[in-house]
Each structure stands twice: as C-alpha cells, then as structure tokens.
Protein backbone atom coordinates (compact mmCIF):
# COMPACT_ATOMS: atom_id res chain seq x y z
CA MET A 1 15.10 -50.90 -6.95
CA ALA A 2 15.93 -54.75 -7.01
CA ASN A 3 18.06 -56.75 -4.17
CA VAL A 4 20.71 -58.14 -6.41
CA THR A 5 22.68 -59.12 -3.57
CA ARG A 6 23.11 -62.93 -3.61
CA GLU A 7 24.29 -65.30 -0.48
CA THR A 8 26.58 -67.72 -2.07
CA PHE A 9 28.21 -71.14 -0.65
CA ALA A 10 31.93 -72.56 -1.30
CA ARG A 11 31.21 -75.61 -3.23
CA VAL A 12 32.61 -78.83 -1.93
CA LYS A 13 35.71 -80.62 -3.38
CA SER A 14 35.30 -84.02 -1.71
CA LEU A 15 34.23 -84.92 2.10
CA LEU A 16 35.09 -87.76 4.16
CA GLY A 17 32.15 -89.57 6.31
CA VAL A 18 33.11 -90.51 10.37
CA THR A 19 36.18 -92.42 9.65
CA ALA A 20 38.82 -94.49 12.79
CA ILE A 21 41.74 -93.41 13.38
CA ASP A 22 44.43 -94.85 15.78
CA ALA A 23 47.80 -94.65 17.04
CA SER A 24 49.57 -94.43 13.45
CA ALA A 25 49.87 -91.07 11.49
CA ASP A 26 47.65 -90.98 8.57
CA SER A 27 47.83 -87.62 5.95
CA ILE A 28 44.93 -86.29 4.68
CA THR A 29 45.70 -84.32 0.93
CA VAL A 30 44.63 -81.03 0.66
CA ASN A 31 47.10 -79.03 -1.67
CA GLY A 32 46.68 -75.53 -1.15
CA MET A 33 42.44 -75.95 -0.47
CA ASP A 34 40.63 -75.15 2.63
CA ILE A 35 39.86 -77.97 4.56
CA THR A 36 36.65 -78.43 7.71
CA PHE A 37 37.95 -81.14 10.17
CA GLN A 38 36.13 -82.26 12.70
CA CYS A 39 37.15 -84.71 16.08
CA VAL A 40 34.13 -86.72 16.28
CA SER A 41 35.23 -89.01 19.25
CA GLY A 42 38.35 -89.42 21.12
CA ASN A 43 41.45 -86.94 20.91
CA ILE A 44 43.22 -86.11 17.83
CA TRP A 45 46.45 -84.12 16.83
CA ILE A 46 47.01 -82.28 13.66
CA ASN A 47 49.91 -80.85 11.98
CA PRO A 48 49.96 -79.36 8.66
CA SER A 49 53.84 -78.99 8.43
CA ILE A 50 55.08 -82.70 9.68
CA THR A 51 54.08 -85.85 10.44
CA ALA A 52 52.36 -85.56 13.68
CA VAL A 53 52.76 -87.09 16.41
CA ALA A 54 50.47 -87.35 19.85
CA ASN A 55 52.30 -84.63 21.93
CA THR A 56 53.15 -80.96 21.94
CA THR A 57 54.36 -80.89 18.56
CA ALA A 58 50.79 -81.02 16.90
CA PHE A 59 47.13 -78.98 17.62
CA LYS A 60 44.99 -81.34 19.65
CA LEU A 61 41.61 -81.63 19.13
CA THR A 62 39.01 -83.52 21.37
CA ALA A 63 35.64 -84.81 20.51
CA GLY A 64 33.51 -82.62 19.32
CA GLN A 65 36.14 -79.83 18.13
CA SER A 66 36.50 -78.70 14.52
CA ILE A 67 38.82 -76.14 12.78
CA ASP A 68 38.94 -74.81 10.03
CA LEU A 69 42.30 -74.35 7.70
CA ASN A 70 44.06 -74.18 4.71
CA VAL A 71 47.15 -76.64 4.39
CA ALA A 72 49.76 -76.32 1.89
CA THR A 73 49.94 -80.12 0.87
CA THR A 74 48.94 -82.64 3.47
CA LEU A 75 47.33 -82.23 6.98
CA SER A 76 48.96 -84.80 9.01
CA ILE A 77 46.35 -86.88 12.07
CA ILE A 78 46.83 -89.07 14.54
CA SER A 79 44.99 -90.21 17.89
CA ASP A 80 46.20 -91.86 20.72
CA GLY A 81 46.01 -95.46 21.96
CA SER A 82 42.43 -94.93 22.87
CA GLY A 83 41.81 -94.44 18.82
CA GLY A 84 39.03 -91.97 17.48
CA THR A 85 36.71 -91.04 14.64
CA PHE A 86 37.11 -87.69 12.59
CA GLN A 87 35.59 -86.18 9.17
CA TYR A 88 36.53 -83.23 6.98
CA ILE A 89 35.38 -82.10 4.35
CA ILE A 90 37.63 -79.94 1.62
CA TRP A 91 35.99 -77.28 -0.25
CA ASN A 92 36.62 -75.68 -3.92
CA SER A 93 38.20 -72.16 -2.90
C-alpha cells in the first residue's frame, strides 16, 4: 500500500528580519494570525492586550528566547533603556 501521508508546513504570511527597538512601545499588526516572535538581543517585553510597558504588566523575553502565539489585533513590544533587537514571522493560518 502506498504511503499517502505528506508533511506540510505553515505558509509564511510576512516576516521581519532583525530590527532594533528602544524604550518606546511599538506595535506589530497580527490580526488573528499566529506569530513567532524572537528576542535576538537585549530584553523585550510583549503584551497582546494593551500597550507594553517594561515591567510586570508584560511578558519579558531575553536574548535568544522566542514565543509562538495567536494575537487578535496587535502585539505591543518595548525594550528598556539598553535597547534590544527582535525578529518575527507571521504565519498564514
């Protein structure tokens, strides 16, 4: 019997290569899609609900950490005074 199983991968909707962020909050428009977000350097706080602040109201990622999540509208991101870099992929769900 022939093997009809095929590995499939999610299609990439968009991506952003390594980009700098500072202590001013930025937003990534996700609109209900899945996103893989990676902190490349420094410390970055993320919040999918409200504007990110570099404190306990947001989720902190350190250099090399990444997270996969689904975000209804926008993902808010911010770094601290030392700055940081990040990259992401938005997946075509």
